[in-house]
Every structure is written in C-alpha cells, then in structure tokens.
Amino acid sequence: MTDDIKIRPAGGTWVVRAAGAVLGESRNALELIEGNYPPVVYFPRGDIAMAFLDPSETTSSCPQKGTASYYSIIAKSGEMKDAAWSYEGPNDAVAQIKDYLAFFPGKAAVEQL
C-alpha cells in the first residue's frame, strides 16, 4: 500500500441511500483515507442492491489506485449519472477495494448507523 493511502475496516454498520431508497447496508465496509482528502467508505458489492445501478461508460485513472469504473443510480425520479465508482482491477497496493463501491456525496448519503 502506498504511504498516502490507508485502508481499514470502517467498523459498525454503514448504509447508503439515494432518492429515498436504501441502496445497501453493510457491516463489512472499508474506509479509505488518501492524503488530505476526507475518508471514503467503500461498500462490498454484495451488500448493494445492484438492480438500482447501471454501469456508465465513464472511467477515470488514478496513479495509486488504477482505473475507476462509474455507475449511475436509476431511481423513479430519474437517473443520477456517475453517482458511484469502483476499482474493478485496482493496483496491488489497494487490492482490498476490488469488488467494492463508493458513492459521491450529494448523489447518495452514506452514514453510520
């Protein structure tokens, strides 16, 4: 793992909500801390209702984490484009976040219960 990135169990139960729906709840979430950025909670894909998410064509690249794939949330109120991201083939240093999803603040609410 790089010196700038720390990954640890998030501890407790975490929930993610969007458009009035609970998208997922997990006791196995991870917290990723990178430099001076706020911590990001990553949810195991198995704890997320993937029926609410559609893969997007958007990608981005991080030299430390690898290539991120994005997902849009599909809700009755409409699509929330690129609301979540995942490193499906992360760099070895952050391999723990493979098959995990994180959500953008403002598009989804992530909170500890």
C-alpha atoms as a PDB file:
ATOM      1  CA  MET A   1       0.000   0.000   0.000  1.00  0.00           C
ATOM      2  CA  THR A   2       1.276   3.490  -0.697  1.00  0.00           C
ATOM      3  CA  ASP A   3       2.168   5.794   2.166  1.00  0.00           C
ATOM      4  CA  ASP A   4      -0.567   8.205   1.086  1.00  0.00           C
ATOM      5  CA  ILE A   5      -3.404   5.660   1.187  1.00  0.00           C
ATOM      6  CA  LYS A   6      -4.640   3.773   4.221  1.00  0.00           C
ATOM      7  CA  ILE A   7      -7.455   1.196   4.098  1.00  0.00           C
ATOM      8  CA  ARG A   8      -9.098  -0.162   7.224  1.00  0.00           C
ATOM      9  CA  PRO A   9     -12.421  -1.718   8.248  1.00  0.00           C
ATOM     10  CA  ALA A  10     -14.997   1.054   8.612  1.00  0.00           C
ATOM     11  CA  GLY A  11     -16.392  -0.511  11.805  1.00  0.00           C
ATOM     12  CA  GLY A  12     -20.068  -0.707  12.696  1.00  0.00           C
ATOM     13  CA  THR A  13     -22.956  -0.729  10.253  1.00  0.00           C
ATOM     14  CA  TRP A  14     -22.992   1.630   7.273  1.00  0.00           C
ATOM     15  CA  VAL A  15     -25.901   2.485   4.989  1.00  0.00           C
ATOM     16  CA  VAL A  16     -26.120   4.213   1.614  1.00  0.00           C
ATOM     17  CA  ARG A  17     -29.343   5.924   0.489  1.00  0.00           C
ATOM     18  CA  ALA A  18     -30.363   7.768  -2.653  1.00  0.00           C
ATOM     19  CA  ALA A  19     -33.662   9.106  -3.987  1.00  0.00           C
ATOM     20  CA  GLY A  20     -35.499   7.902  -0.881  1.00  0.00           C
ATOM     21  CA  ALA A  21     -34.302   4.297  -1.207  1.00  0.00           C
ATOM     22  CA  VAL A  22     -31.778   2.289   0.779  1.00  0.00           C
ATOM     23  CA  LEU A  23     -29.256   1.020  -1.768  1.00  0.00           C
ATOM     24  CA  GLY A  24     -27.278  -1.001   0.713  1.00  0.00           C
ATOM     25  CA  GLU A  25     -26.285  -1.708   4.288  1.00  0.00           C
ATOM     26  CA  SER A  26     -23.030  -3.289   5.392  1.00  0.00           C
ATOM     27  CA  ARG A  27     -21.036  -4.341   8.409  1.00  0.00           C
ATOM     28  CA  ASN A  28     -18.091  -5.092   6.081  1.00  0.00           C
ATOM     29  CA  ALA A  29     -17.451  -1.626   4.656  1.00  0.00           C
ATOM     30  CA  LEU A  30     -13.924  -0.300   4.254  1.00  0.00           C
ATOM     31  CA  GLU A  31     -12.667   3.211   4.919  1.00  0.00           C
ATOM     32  CA  LEU A  32     -10.064   4.563   2.509  1.00  0.00           C
ATOM     33  CA  ILE A  33      -8.025   7.546   3.646  1.00  0.00           C
ATOM     34  CA  GLU A  34      -5.951   9.261   0.980  1.00  0.00           C
ATOM     35  CA  GLY A  35      -3.721  12.206   1.819  1.00  0.00           C
ATOM     36  CA  ASN A  36      -5.720  15.229   2.984  1.00  0.00           C
ATOM     37  CA  TYR A  37      -8.991  14.121   1.343  1.00  0.00           C
ATOM     38  CA  PRO A  38     -11.981  13.220   3.529  1.00  0.00           C
ATOM     39  CA  PRO A  39     -12.253   9.468   4.228  1.00  0.00           C
ATOM     40  CA  VAL A  40     -14.314   7.471   1.705  1.00  0.00           C
ATOM     41  CA  VAL A  41     -16.444   4.488   2.709  1.00  0.00           C
ATOM     42  CA  TYR A  42     -16.409   1.593   0.234  1.00  0.00           C
ATOM     43  CA  PHE A  43     -19.251  -0.946   0.296  1.00  0.00           C
ATOM     44  CA  PRO A  44     -18.881  -4.591  -0.737  1.00  0.00           C
ATOM     45  CA  ARG A  45     -20.749  -5.058  -3.988  1.00  0.00           C
ATOM     46  CA  GLY A  46     -22.651  -7.979  -2.434  1.00  0.00           C
ATOM     47  CA  ASP A  47     -24.189  -5.602   0.120  1.00  0.00           C
ATOM     48  CA  ILE A  48     -25.530  -3.185  -2.528  1.00  0.00           C
ATOM     49  CA  ALA A  49     -28.835  -3.552  -4.431  1.00  0.00           C
ATOM     50  CA  MET A  50     -27.113  -3.571  -7.823  1.00  0.00           C
ATOM     51  CA  ALA A  51     -30.528  -3.503  -9.570  1.00  0.00           C
ATOM     52  CA  PHE A  52     -30.510   0.268  -8.812  1.00  0.00           C
ATOM     53  CA  LEU A  53     -27.147   0.784 -10.551  1.00  0.00           C
ATOM     54  CA  ASP A  54     -26.294   0.835 -14.237  1.00  0.00           C
ATOM     55  CA  PRO A  55     -22.707   0.781 -15.471  1.00  0.00           C
ATOM     56  CA  SER A  56     -21.659   4.027 -17.120  1.00  0.00           C
ATOM     57  CA  GLU A  57     -19.161   4.498 -19.938  1.00  0.00           C
ATOM     58  CA  THR A  58     -17.254   6.946 -17.721  1.00  0.00           C
ATOM     59  CA  THR A  59     -13.844   5.971 -16.395  1.00  0.00           C
ATOM     60  CA  SER A  60     -11.040   7.801 -14.653  1.00  0.00           C
ATOM     61  CA  SER A  61      -7.495   6.923 -13.759  1.00  0.00           C
ATOM     62  CA  CYS A  62      -5.576   7.297 -10.507  1.00  0.00           C
ATOM     63  CA  PRO A  63      -1.851   6.508 -10.468  1.00  0.00           C
ATOM     64  CA  GLN A  64      -2.157   4.956  -6.998  1.00  0.00           C
ATOM     65  CA  LYS A  65      -5.464   3.091  -7.307  1.00  0.00           C
ATOM     66  CA  GLY A  66      -5.856   2.294 -11.021  1.00  0.00           C
ATOM     67  CA  THR A  67      -8.819   2.770 -13.361  1.00  0.00           C
ATOM     68  CA  ALA A  68     -12.213   3.551 -11.853  1.00  0.00           C
ATOM     69  CA  SER A  69     -15.475   2.484 -13.478  1.00  0.00           C
ATOM     70  CA  TYR A  70     -18.610   4.508 -12.776  1.00  0.00           C
ATOM     71  CA  TYR A  71     -22.236   3.613 -12.122  1.00  0.00           C
ATOM     72  CA  SER A  72     -25.405   5.664 -12.394  1.00  0.00           C
ATOM     73  CA  ILE A  73     -28.226   5.273  -9.886  1.00  0.00           C
ATOM     74  CA  ILE A  74     -31.562   4.548 -11.545  1.00  0.00           C
ATOM     75  CA  ALA A  75     -34.453   5.891  -9.462  1.00  0.00           C
ATOM     76  CA  LYS A  76     -38.121   6.662 -10.059  1.00  0.00           C
ATOM     77  CA  SER A  77     -37.186  10.351 -10.016  1.00  0.00           C
ATOM     78  CA  GLY A  78     -34.636   9.808 -12.789  1.00  0.00           C
ATOM     79  CA  GLU A  79     -31.043   8.864 -13.370  1.00  0.00           C
ATOM     80  CA  MET A  80     -28.215  10.127 -11.149  1.00  0.00           C
ATOM     81  CA  LYS A  81     -25.332   9.898 -13.586  1.00  0.00           C
ATOM     82  CA  ASP A  82     -21.975   8.625 -12.342  1.00  0.00           C
ATOM     83  CA  ALA A  83     -23.073   8.518  -8.700  1.00  0.00           C
ATOM     84  CA  ALA A  84     -20.801   5.635  -7.688  1.00  0.00           C
ATOM     85  CA  TRP A  85     -17.405   4.301  -8.651  1.00  0.00           C
ATOM     86  CA  SER A  86     -15.473   1.077  -8.338  1.00  0.00           C
ATOM     87  CA  TYR A  87     -11.909  -0.066  -8.961  1.00  0.00           C
ATOM     88  CA  GLU A  88     -12.613  -3.401 -10.595  1.00  0.00           C
ATOM     89  CA  GLY A  89      -8.942  -4.143 -11.212  1.00  0.00           C
ATOM     90  CA  PRO A  90      -7.195  -1.975  -8.621  1.00  0.00           C
ATOM     91  CA  ASN A  91      -3.442  -1.675  -8.311  1.00  0.00           C
ATOM     92  CA  ASP A  92      -1.893  -4.262  -5.988  1.00  0.00           C
ATOM     93  CA  ALA A  93      -1.313  -1.650  -3.272  1.00  0.00           C
ATOM     94  CA  VAL A  94      -5.095  -1.177  -2.848  1.00  0.00           C
ATOM     95  CA  ALA A  95      -6.319  -4.650  -3.829  1.00  0.00           C
ATOM     96  CA  GLN A  96      -8.667  -4.657  -0.790  1.00  0.00           C
ATOM     97  CA  ILE A  97     -11.134  -2.343  -2.589  1.00  0.00           C
ATOM     98  CA  LYS A  98     -11.702  -4.749  -5.505  1.00  0.00           C
ATOM     99  CA  ASP A  99     -15.436  -5.538  -5.780  1.00  0.00           C
ATOM    100  CA  TYR A 100     -16.307  -2.549  -3.562  1.00  0.00           C
ATOM    101  CA  LEU A 101     -18.278   0.591  -4.489  1.00  0.00           C
ATOM    102  CA  ALA A 102     -18.059   4.158  -3.220  1.00  0.00           C
ATOM    103  CA  PHE A 103     -20.647   6.900  -3.677  1.00  0.00           C
ATOM    104  CA  PHE A 104     -20.349  10.611  -4.420  1.00  0.00           C
ATOM    105  CA  PRO A 105     -21.618  12.929  -1.665  1.00  0.00           C
ATOM    106  CA  GLY A 106     -24.594  14.903  -2.930  1.00  0.00           C
ATOM    107  CA  LYS A 107     -25.753  11.997  -5.093  1.00  0.00           C
ATOM    108  CA  ALA A 108     -26.044   9.449  -2.285  1.00  0.00           C
ATOM    109  CA  ALA A 109     -25.964   9.700   1.503  1.00  0.00           C
ATOM    110  CA  VAL A 110     -23.506   7.435   3.309  1.00  0.00           C
ATOM    111  CA  GLU A 111     -23.863   7.202   7.073  1.00  0.00           C
ATOM    112  CA  GLN A 112     -23.013   5.030  10.016  1.00  0.00           C
ATOM    113  CA  LEU A 113     -25.992   3.617  11.913  1.00  0.00           C
END
